[in-house]
Amino acid sequence: MKQEELTVKFLHILHKNPYITQRKIAKSVGISLGKTNYIIKELTKKGVIKASRFLNSKNKRAYTYILTPKGVKEKTRITKNFVKRKIAEYEKLLESS
């Protein structure tokens, strides 16, 4: 999976469920927990998401992940590029058949 596709999947998942655990993200995307943690840290460093700690119902510390305005723009940009690429692939398939 390309980095851009992985990023858009992360942003989509976090946008839909800001209280999701890293373990659930990893399972949903199909990557290791370590790689998930690394990507979350990088997205946070870049200012794409904001991670905040909170106490969940089991009195455990957990995180909520919120897309920043920069994150929303990045998600839109990547999604547009993805759609353009898929349309180009589809048109190429039509031409070759």
PDB file of N, CA and C in Angstrom:
ATOM      1  N   MET A   1       0.846  -1.172   0.000  1.00  0.00           N
ATOM      2  CA  MET A   1       0.000   0.000   0.000  1.00  0.00           C
ATOM      3  C   MET A   1       0.898   1.244   0.000  1.00  0.00           C
ATOM      4  N   LYS A   2       0.568   2.186  -0.876  1.00  0.00           N
ATOM      5  CA  LYS A   2       1.349   3.413  -0.969  1.00  0.00           C
ATOM      6  C   LYS A   2       1.132   4.279   0.267  1.00  0.00           C
ATOM      7  N   GLN A   3       2.143   5.075   0.585  1.00  0.00           N
ATOM      8  CA  GLN A   3       2.080   5.933   1.772  1.00  0.00           C
ATOM      9  C   GLN A   3       0.880   6.871   1.718  1.00  0.00           C
ATOM     10  N   GLU A   4       0.601   7.416   0.533  1.00  0.00           N
ATOM     11  CA  GLU A   4      -0.512   8.350   0.391  1.00  0.00           C
ATOM     12  C   GLU A   4      -1.849   7.654   0.676  1.00  0.00           C
ATOM     13  N   GLU A   5      -2.002   6.424   0.179  1.00  0.00           N
ATOM     14  CA  GLU A   5      -3.228   5.663   0.434  1.00  0.00           C
ATOM     15  C   GLU A   5      -3.366   5.351   1.925  1.00  0.00           C
ATOM     16  N   LEU A   6      -2.260   5.002   2.541  1.00  0.00           N
ATOM     17  CA  LEU A   6      -2.255   4.699   3.969  1.00  0.00           C
ATOM     18  C   LEU A   6      -2.644   5.935   4.780  1.00  0.00           C
ATOM     19  N   THR A   7      -2.104   7.073   4.401  1.00  0.00           N
ATOM     20  CA  THR A   7      -2.421   8.320   5.102  1.00  0.00           C
ATOM     21  C   THR A   7      -3.899   8.655   4.986  1.00  0.00           C
ATOM     22  N   VAL A   8      -4.464   8.536   3.788  1.00  0.00           N
ATOM     23  CA  VAL A   8      -5.880   8.871   3.620  1.00  0.00           C
ATOM     24  C   VAL A   8      -6.762   7.893   4.394  1.00  0.00           C
ATOM     25  N   LYS A   9      -6.361   6.631   4.470  1.00  0.00           N
ATOM     26  CA  LYS A   9      -7.127   5.670   5.277  1.00  0.00           C
ATOM     27  C   LYS A   9      -7.103   6.074   6.750  1.00  0.00           C
ATOM     28  N   PHE A  10      -5.924   6.436   7.239  1.00  0.00           N
ATOM     29  CA  PHE A  10      -5.796   6.879   8.630  1.00  0.00           C
ATOM     30  C   PHE A  10      -6.683   8.084   8.896  1.00  0.00           C
ATOM     31  N   LEU A  11      -6.587   9.075   8.028  1.00  0.00           N
ATOM     32  CA  LEU A  11      -7.354  10.303   8.228  1.00  0.00           C
ATOM     33  C   LEU A  11      -8.851  10.035   8.176  1.00  0.00           C
ATOM     34  N   HIS A  12      -9.263   9.152   7.285  1.00  0.00           N
ATOM     35  CA  HIS A  12     -10.684   8.804   7.191  1.00  0.00           C
ATOM     36  C   HIS A  12     -11.153   8.109   8.472  1.00  0.00           C
ATOM     37  N   ILE A  13     -10.380   7.154   8.937  1.00  0.00           N
ATOM     38  CA  ILE A  13     -10.727   6.417  10.160  1.00  0.00           C
ATOM     39  C   ILE A  13     -10.781   7.360  11.362  1.00  0.00           C
ATOM     40  N   LEU A  14      -9.772   8.212  11.499  1.00  0.00           N
ATOM     41  CA  LEU A  14      -9.721   9.128  12.645  1.00  0.00           C
ATOM     42  C   LEU A  14     -10.829  10.178  12.580  1.00  0.00           C
ATOM     43  N   HIS A  15     -11.184  10.587  11.374  1.00  0.00           N
ATOM     44  CA  HIS A  15     -12.267  11.560  11.218  1.00  0.00           C
ATOM     45  C   HIS A  15     -13.606  10.954  11.645  1.00  0.00           C
ATOM     46  N   LYS A  16     -13.813   9.679  11.283  1.00  0.00           N
ATOM     47  CA  LYS A  16     -15.068   9.001  11.627  1.00  0.00           C
ATOM     48  C   LYS A  16     -15.144   8.619  13.098  1.00  0.00           C
ATOM     49  N   ASN A  17     -14.002   8.268  13.691  1.00  0.00           N
ATOM     50  CA  ASN A  17     -13.999   7.793  15.073  1.00  0.00           C
ATOM     51  C   ASN A  17     -12.758   8.307  15.808  1.00  0.00           C
ATOM     52  N   PRO A  18     -12.823   9.509  16.361  1.00  0.00           N
ATOM     53  CA  PRO A  18     -11.643  10.078  17.027  1.00  0.00           C
ATOM     54  C   PRO A  18     -11.219   9.334  18.294  1.00  0.00           C
ATOM     55  N   TYR A  19     -12.066   8.465  18.825  1.00  0.00           N
ATOM     56  CA  TYR A  19     -11.743   7.735  20.056  1.00  0.00           C
ATOM     57  C   TYR A  19     -11.218   6.326  19.788  1.00  0.00           C
ATOM     58  N   ILE A  20     -10.958   5.994  18.543  1.00  0.00           N
ATOM     59  CA  ILE A  20     -10.500   4.652  18.186  1.00  0.00           C
ATOM     60  C   ILE A  20      -9.097   4.404  18.755  1.00  0.00           C
ATOM     61  N   THR A  21      -8.821   3.168  19.104  1.00  0.00           N
ATOM     62  CA  THR A  21      -7.496   2.821  19.626  1.00  0.00           C
ATOM     63  C   THR A  21      -6.536   2.549  18.469  1.00  0.00           C
ATOM     64  N   GLN A  22      -5.259   2.668  18.768  1.00  0.00           N
ATOM     65  CA  GLN A  22      -4.261   2.368  17.743  1.00  0.00           C
ATOM     66  C   GLN A  22      -4.340   0.906  17.323  1.00  0.00           C
ATOM     67  N   ARG A  23      -4.666   0.047  18.253  1.00  0.00           N
ATOM     68  CA  ARG A  23      -4.793  -1.378  17.936  1.00  0.00           C
ATOM     69  C   ARG A  23      -5.905  -1.607  16.902  1.00  0.00           C
ATOM     70  N   LYS A  24      -7.027  -0.924  17.077  1.00  0.00           N
ATOM     71  CA  LYS A  24      -8.143  -1.061  16.135  1.00  0.00           C
ATOM     72  C   LYS A  24      -7.804  -0.448  14.778  1.00  0.00           C
ATOM     73  N   ILE A  25      -7.057   0.649  14.791  1.00  0.00           N
ATOM     74  CA  ILE A  25      -6.621   1.251  13.526  1.00  0.00           C
ATOM     75  C   ILE A  25      -5.739   0.259  12.776  1.00  0.00           C
ATOM     76  N   ALA A  26      -4.776  -0.318  13.485  1.00  0.00           N
ATOM     77  CA  ALA A  26      -3.848  -1.272  12.873  1.00  0.00           C
ATOM     78  C   ALA A  26      -4.605  -2.435  12.242  1.00  0.00           C
ATOM     79  N   LYS A  27      -5.570  -2.966  12.964  1.00  0.00           N
ATOM     80  CA  LYS A  27      -6.351  -4.093  12.455  1.00  0.00           C
ATOM     81  C   LYS A  27      -7.174  -3.675  11.241  1.00  0.00           C
ATOM     82  N   SER A  28      -7.770  -2.514  11.302  1.00  0.00           N
ATOM     83  CA  SER A  28      -8.610  -2.012  10.218  1.00  0.00           C
ATOM     84  C   SER A  28      -7.812  -1.769   8.937  1.00  0.00           C
ATOM     85  N   VAL A  29      -6.610  -1.237   9.090  1.00  0.00           N
ATOM     86  CA  VAL A  29      -5.779  -0.906   7.934  1.00  0.00           C
ATOM     87  C   VAL A  29      -4.956  -2.111   7.476  1.00  0.00           C
ATOM     88  N   GLY A  30      -4.695  -3.039   8.390  1.00  0.00           N
ATOM     89  CA  GLY A  30      -3.932  -4.234   8.046  1.00  0.00           C
ATOM     90  C   GLY A  30      -2.426  -4.049   8.163  1.00  0.00           C
ATOM     91  N   ILE A  31      -2.012  -3.265   9.165  1.00  0.00           N
ATOM     92  CA  ILE A  31      -0.583  -3.054   9.408  1.00  0.00           C
ATOM     93  C   ILE A  31      -0.289  -3.326  10.881  1.00  0.00           C
ATOM     94  N   SER A  32       0.987  -3.331  11.220  1.00  0.00           N
ATOM     95  CA  SER A  32       1.373  -3.620  12.604  1.00  0.00           C
ATOM     96  C   SER A  32       1.041  -2.449  13.530  1.00  0.00           C
ATOM     97  N   LEU A  33       0.936  -2.755  14.807  1.00  0.00           N
ATOM     98  CA  LEU A  33       0.684  -1.737  15.824  1.00  0.00           C
ATOM     99  C   LEU A  33       1.848  -0.744  15.886  1.00  0.00           C
ATOM    100  N   GLY A  34       3.064  -1.232  15.739  1.00  0.00           N
ATOM    101  CA  GLY A  34       4.242  -0.360  15.747  1.00  0.00           C
ATOM    102  C   GLY A  34       4.222   0.647  14.605  1.00  0.00           C
ATOM    103  N   LYS A  35       3.852   0.176  13.409  1.00  0.00           N
ATOM    104  CA  LYS A  35       3.771   1.073  12.255  1.00  0.00           C
ATOM    105  C   LYS A  35       2.645   2.083  12.453  1.00  0.00           C
ATOM    106  N   THR A  36       1.550   1.634  13.049  1.00  0.00           N
ATOM    107  CA  THR A  36       0.432   2.533  13.344  1.00  0.00           C
ATOM    108  C   THR A  36       0.885   3.635  14.289  1.00  0.00           C
ATOM    109  N   ASN A  37       1.586   3.268  15.339  1.00  0.00           N
ATOM    110  CA  ASN A  37       2.093   4.241  16.301  1.00  0.00           C
ATOM    111  C   ASN A  37       3.020   5.246  15.624  1.00  0.00           C
ATOM    112  N   TYR A  38       3.888   4.761  14.764  1.00  0.00           N
ATOM    113  CA  TYR A  38       4.821   5.629  14.043  1.00  0.00           C
ATOM    114  C   TYR A  38       4.063   6.634  13.169  1.00  0.00           C
ATOM    115  N   ILE A  39       3.054   6.160  12.439  1.00  0.00           N
ATOM    116  CA  ILE A  39       2.287   7.039  11.549  1.00  0.00           C
ATOM    117  C   ILE A  39       1.525   8.081  12.356  1.00  0.00           C
ATOM    118  N   ILE A  40       0.928   7.669  13.476  1.00  0.00           N
ATOM    119  CA  ILE A  40       0.210   8.614  14.343  1.00  0.00           C
ATOM    120  C   ILE A  40       1.167   9.711  14.822  1.00  0.00           C
ATOM    121  N   LYS A  41       2.368   9.317  15.247  1.00  0.00           N
ATOM    122  CA  LYS A  41       3.354  10.300  15.712  1.00  0.00           C
ATOM    123  C   LYS A  41       3.750  11.261  14.595  1.00  0.00           C
ATOM    124  N   GLU A  42       3.951  10.735  13.391  1.00  0.00           N
ATOM    125  CA  GLU A  42       4.343  11.584  12.261  1.00  0.00           C
ATOM    126  C   GLU A  42       3.222  12.547  11.876  1.00  0.00           C
ATOM    127  N   LEU A  43       1.983  12.060  11.855  1.00  0.00           N
ATOM    128  CA  LEU A  43       0.847  12.933  11.533  1.00  0.00           C
ATOM    129  C   LEU A  43       0.698  14.031  12.584  1.00  0.00           C
ATOM    130  N   THR A  44       0.994  13.691  13.831  1.00  0.00           N
ATOM    131  CA  THR A  44       0.931  14.673  14.915  1.00  0.00           C
ATOM    132  C   THR A  44       2.042  15.712  14.756  1.00  0.00           C
ATOM    133  N   LYS A  45       3.267  15.253  14.459  1.00  0.00           N
ATOM    134  CA  LYS A  45       4.395  16.171  14.258  1.00  0.00           C
ATOM    135  C   LYS A  45       4.130  17.145  13.113  1.00  0.00           C
ATOM    136  N   LYS A  46       3.489  16.650  12.051  1.00  0.00           N
ATOM    137  CA  LYS A  46       3.205  17.484  10.878  1.00  0.00           C
ATOM    138  C   LYS A  46       2.023  18.425  11.101  1.00  0.00           C
ATOM    139  N   GLY A  47       1.334  18.256  12.228  1.00  0.00           N
ATOM    140  CA  GLY A  47       0.195  19.120  12.520  1.00  0.00           C
ATOM    141  C   GLY A  47      -1.079  18.716  11.804  1.00  0.00           C
ATOM    142  N   VAL A  48      -1.116  17.486  11.304  1.00  0.00           N
ATOM    143  CA  VAL A  48      -2.283  16.992  10.576  1.00  0.00           C
ATOM    144  C   VAL A  48      -3.366  16.517  11.541  1.00  0.00           C
ATOM    145  N   ILE A  49      -2.935  15.935  12.659  1.00  0.00           N
ATOM    146  CA  ILE A  49      -3.874  15.526  13.705  1.00  0.00           C
ATOM    147  C   ILE A  49      -3.385  16.049  15.048  1.00  0.00           C
ATOM    148  N   LYS A  50      -4.303  16.090  15.989  1.00  0.00           N
ATOM    149  CA  LYS A  50      -3.967  16.463  17.365  1.00  0.00           C
ATOM    150  C   LYS A  50      -4.403  15.298  18.250  1.00  0.00           C
ATOM    151  N   ALA A  51      -3.506  14.848  19.102  1.00  0.00           N
ATOM    152  CA  ALA A  51      -3.815  13.757  20.017  1.00  0.00           C
ATOM    153  C   ALA A  51      -3.966  14.329  21.422  1.00  0.00           C
ATOM    154  N   SER A  52      -5.066  13.990  22.071  1.00  0.00           N
ATOM    155  CA  SER A  52      -5.310  14.454  23.440  1.00  0.00           C
ATOM    156  C   SER A  52      -5.628  13.264  24.321  1.00  0.00           C
ATOM    157  N   ARG A  53      -5.099  13.284  25.532  1.00  0.00           N
ATOM    158  CA  ARG A  53      -5.367  12.194  26.483  1.00  0.00           C
ATOM    159  C   ARG A  53      -6.673  12.451  27.212  1.00  0.00           C
ATOM    160  N   PHE A  54      -7.350  11.363  27.550  1.00  0.00           N
ATOM    161  CA  PHE A  54      -8.551  11.450  28.371  1.00  0.00           C
ATOM    162  C   PHE A  54      -8.700  10.147  29.137  1.00  0.00           C
ATOM    163  N   LEU A  55      -9.516  10.165  30.162  1.00  0.00           N
ATOM    164  CA  LEU A  55      -9.805   8.938  30.907  1.00  0.00           C
ATOM    165  C   LEU A  55     -11.032   8.300  30.292  1.00  0.00           C
ATOM    166  N   ASN A  56     -10.887   7.039  29.885  1.00  0.00           N
ATOM    167  CA  ASN A  56     -12.050   6.363  29.324  1.00  0.00           C
ATOM    168  C   ASN A  56     -12.893   5.766  30.442  1.00  0.00           C
ATOM    169  N   SER A  57     -13.949   5.092  30.081  1.00  0.00           N
ATOM    170  CA  SER A  57     -14.893   4.584  31.081  1.00  0.00           C
ATOM    171  C   SER A  57     -14.283   3.552  32.030  1.00  0.00           C
ATOM    172  N   LYS A  58     -13.175   2.957  31.640  1.00  0.00           N
ATOM    173  CA  LYS A  58     -12.530   1.955  32.497  1.00  0.00           C
ATOM    174  C   LYS A  58     -11.402   2.578  33.323  1.00  0.00           C
ATOM    175  N   ASN A  59     -11.417   3.909  33.444  1.00  0.00           N
ATOM    176  CA  ASN A  59     -10.389   4.650  34.179  1.00  0.00           C
ATOM    177  C   ASN A  59      -8.981   4.393  33.653  1.00  0.00           C
ATOM    178  N   LYS A  60      -8.886   4.133  32.360  1.00  0.00           N
ATOM    179  CA  LYS A  60      -7.588   3.991  31.721  1.00  0.00           C
ATOM    180  C   LYS A  60      -7.350   5.228  30.874  1.00  0.00           C
ATOM    181  N   ARG A  61      -6.102   5.569  30.729  1.00  0.00           N
ATOM    182  CA  ARG A  61      -5.780   6.705  29.874  1.00  0.00           C
ATOM    183  C   ARG A  61      -5.864   6.262  28.419  1.00  0.00           C
ATOM    184  N   ALA A  62      -6.501   7.077  27.635  1.00  0.00           N
ATOM    185  CA  ALA A  62      -6.640   6.801  26.214  1.00  0.00           C
ATOM    186  C   ALA A  62      -6.434   8.109  25.461  1.00  0.00           C
ATOM    187  N   TYR A  63      -6.455   8.029  24.155  1.00  0.00           N
ATOM    188  CA  TYR A  63      -6.266   9.219  23.329  1.00  0.00           C
ATOM    189  C   TYR A  63      -7.475   9.441  22.440  1.00  0.00           C
ATOM    190  N   THR A  64      -7.690  10.691  22.136  1.00  0.00           N
ATOM    191  CA  THR A  64      -8.641  11.054  21.099  1.00  0.00           C
ATOM    192  C   THR A  64      -7.820  11.732  20.005  1.00  0.00           C
ATOM    193  N   TYR A  65      -8.117  11.409  18.767  1.00  0.00           N
ATOM    194  CA  TYR A  65      -7.370  11.943  17.633  1.00  0.00           C
ATOM    195  C   TYR A  65      -8.293  12.828  16.810  1.00  0.00           C
ATOM    196  N   ILE A  66      -7.915  14.087  16.678  1.00  0.00           N
ATOM    197  CA  ILE A  66      -8.754  15.055  15.983  1.00  0.00           C
ATOM    198  C   ILE A  66      -7.994  15.606  14.786  1.00  0.00           C
ATOM    199  N   LEU A  67      -8.656  15.628  13.632  1.00  0.00           N
ATOM    200  CA  LEU A  67      -8.055  16.242  12.460  1.00  0.00           C
ATOM    201  C   LEU A  67      -8.009  17.749  12.650  1.00  0.00           C
ATOM    202  N   THR A  68      -6.872  18.315  12.395  1.00  0.00           N
ATOM    203  CA  THR A  68      -6.720  19.767  12.444  1.00  0.00           C
ATOM    204  C   THR A  68      -7.215  20.331  11.107  1.00  0.00           C
ATOM    205  N   PRO A  69      -7.373  21.646  10.997  1.00  0.00           N
ATOM    206  CA  PRO A  69      -7.721  22.213   9.686  1.00  0.00           C
ATOM    207  C   PRO A  69      -6.727  21.784   8.598  1.00  0.00           C
ATOM    208  N   LYS A  70      -5.452  21.707   8.968  1.00  0.00           N
ATOM    209  CA  LYS A  70      -4.432  21.225   8.028  1.00  0.00           C
ATOM    210  C   LYS A  70      -4.718  19.772   7.642  1.00  0.00           C
ATOM    211  N   GLY A  71      -5.172  18.969   8.606  1.00  0.00           N
ATOM    212  CA  GLY A  71      -5.497  17.573   8.343  1.00  0.00           C
ATOM    213  C   GLY A  71      -6.669  17.422   7.397  1.00  0.00           C
ATOM    214  N   VAL A  72      -7.674  18.269   7.554  1.00  0.00           N
ATOM    215  CA  VAL A  72      -8.841  18.228   6.664  1.00  0.00           C
ATOM    216  C   VAL A  72      -8.407  18.581   5.243  1.00  0.00           C
ATOM    217  N   LYS A  73      -7.559  19.601   5.101  1.00  0.00           N
ATOM    218  CA  LYS A  73      -7.056  19.984   3.777  1.00  0.00           C
ATOM    219  C   LYS A  73      -6.233  18.859   3.162  1.00  0.00           C
ATOM    220  N   GLU A  74      -5.393  18.237   3.976  1.00  0.00           N
ATOM    221  CA  GLU A  74      -4.547  17.141   3.496  1.00  0.00           C
ATOM    222  C   GLU A  74      -5.403  15.962   3.047  1.00  0.00           C
ATOM    223  N   LYS A  75      -6.413  15.632   3.814  1.00  0.00           N
ATOM    224  CA  LYS A  75      -7.312  14.533   3.456  1.00  0.00           C
ATOM    225  C   LYS A  75      -7.997  14.832   2.125  1.00  0.00           C
ATOM    226  N   THR A  76      -8.461  16.056   1.944  1.00  0.00           N
ATOM    227  CA  THR A  76      -9.116  16.456   0.700  1.00  0.00           C
ATOM    228  C   THR A  76      -8.145  16.380  -0.473  1.00  0.00           C
ATOM    229  N   ARG A  77      -6.935  16.883  -0.278  1.00  0.00           N
ATOM    230  CA  ARG A  77      -5.931  16.873  -1.349  1.00  0.00           C
ATOM    231  C   ARG A  77      -5.579  15.448  -1.774  1.00  0.00           C
ATOM    232  N   ILE A  78      -5.328  14.588  -0.798  1.00  0.00           N
ATOM    233  CA  ILE A  78      -4.953  13.207  -1.102  1.00  0.00           C
ATOM    234  C   ILE A  78      -6.111  12.479  -1.780  1.00  0.00           C
ATOM    235  N   THR A  79      -7.322  12.706  -1.301  1.00  0.00           N
ATOM    236  CA  THR A  79      -8.490  12.051  -1.888  1.00  0.00           C
ATOM    237  C   THR A  79      -8.676  12.480  -3.338  1.00  0.00           C
ATOM    238  N   LYS A  80      -8.524  13.767  -3.612  1.00  0.00           N
ATOM    239  CA  LYS A  80      -8.641  14.258  -4.996  1.00  0.00           C
ATOM    240  C   LYS A  80      -7.596  13.606  -5.891  1.00  0.00           C
ATOM    241  N   ASN A  81      -6.361  13.532  -5.419  1.00  0.00           N
ATOM    242  CA  ASN A  81      -5.295  12.891  -6.199  1.00  0.00           C
ATOM    243  C   ASN A  81      -5.598  11.422  -6.443  1.00  0.00           C
ATOM    244  N   PHE A  82      -6.117  10.746  -5.431  1.00  0.00           N
ATOM    245  CA  PHE A  82      -6.458   9.331  -5.550  1.00  0.00           C
ATOM    246  C   PHE A  82      -7.541   9.133  -6.611  1.00  0.00           C
ATOM    247  N   VAL A  83      -8.580   9.963  -6.571  1.00  0.00           N
ATOM    248  CA  VAL A  83      -9.678   9.854  -7.541  1.00  0.00           C
ATOM    249  C   VAL A  83      -9.165  10.140  -8.952  1.00  0.00           C
ATOM    250  N   LYS A  84      -8.342  11.162  -9.118  1.00  0.00           N
ATOM    251  CA  LYS A  84      -7.766  11.474 -10.432  1.00  0.00           C
ATOM    252  C   LYS A  84      -6.971  10.292 -10.975  1.00  0.00           C
ATOM    253  N   ARG A  85      -6.169   9.682 -10.102  1.00  0.00           N
ATOM    254  CA  ARG A  85      -5.347   8.544 -10.509  1.00  0.00           C
ATOM    255  C   ARG A  85      -6.214   7.363 -10.927  1.00  0.00           C
ATOM    256  N   LYS A  86      -7.282   7.103 -10.177  1.00  0.00           N
ATOM    257  CA  LYS A  86      -8.166   5.983 -10.502  1.00  0.00           C
ATOM    258  C   LYS A  86      -8.926   6.232 -11.805  1.00  0.00           C
ATOM    259  N   ILE A  87      -9.342   7.468 -12.048  1.00  0.00           N
ATOM    260  CA  ILE A  87     -10.018   7.806 -13.305  1.00  0.00           C
ATOM    261  C   ILE A  87      -9.062   7.605 -14.476  1.00  0.00           C
ATOM    262  N   ALA A  88      -7.815   8.035 -14.323  1.00  0.00           N
ATOM    263  CA  ALA A  88      -6.813   7.855 -15.377  1.00  0.00           C
ATOM    264  C   ALA A  88      -6.573   6.372 -15.648  1.00  0.00           C
ATOM    265  N   GLU A  89      -6.501   5.560 -14.596  1.00  0.00           N
ATOM    266  CA  GLU A  89      -6.325   4.112 -14.759  1.00  0.00           C
ATOM    267  C   GLU A  89      -7.511   3.511 -15.500  1.00  0.00           C
ATOM    268  N   TYR A  90      -8.712   3.934 -15.148  1.00  0.00           N
ATOM    269  CA  TYR A  90      -9.929   3.426 -15.779  1.00  0.00           C
ATOM    270  C   TYR A  90      -9.950   3.795 -17.264  1.00  0.00           C
ATOM    271  N   GLU A  91      -9.618   5.042 -17.575  1.00  0.00           N
ATOM    272  CA  GLU A  91      -9.602   5.484 -18.973  1.00  0.00           C
ATOM    273  C   GLU A  91      -8.553   4.731 -19.776  1.00  0.00           C
ATOM    274  N   LYS A  92      -7.422   4.442 -19.160  1.00  0.00           N
ATOM    275  CA  LYS A  92      -6.376   3.671 -19.829  1.00  0.00           C
ATOM    276  C   LYS A  92      -6.861   2.251 -20.119  1.00  0.00           C
ATOM    277  N   LEU A  93      -7.592   1.666 -19.184  1.00  0.00           N
ATOM    278  CA  LEU A  93      -8.161   0.332 -19.399  1.00  0.00           C
ATOM    279  C   LEU A  93      -9.168   0.340 -20.543  1.00  0.00           C
ATOM    280  N   LEU A  94      -9.982   1.377 -20.612  1.00  0.00           N
ATOM    281  CA  LEU A  94     -10.963   1.487 -21.695  1.00  0.00           C
ATOM    282  C   LEU A  94     -10.279   1.597 -23.053  1.00  0.00           C
ATOM    283  N   GLU A  95      -9.194   2.349 -23.108  1.00  0.00           N
ATOM    284  CA  GLU A  95      -8.456   2.522 -24.358  1.00  0.00           C
ATOM    285  C   GLU A  95      -7.823   1.224 -24.832  1.00  0.00           C
ATOM    286  N   SER A  96      -7.355   0.417 -23.910  1.00  0.00           N
ATOM    287  CA  SER A  96      -6.660  -0.817 -24.279  1.00  0.00           C
ATOM    288  C   SER A  96      -7.607  -1.967 -24.616  1.00  0.00           C
ATOM    289  N   SER A  97      -8.905  -1.796 -24.355  1.00  0.00           N
ATOM    290  CA  SER A  97      -9.829  -2.905 -24.659  1.00  0.00           C
ATOM    291  C   SER A  97     -10.587  -2.701 -25.934  1.00  0.00           C
TER     292      SER A  97
END
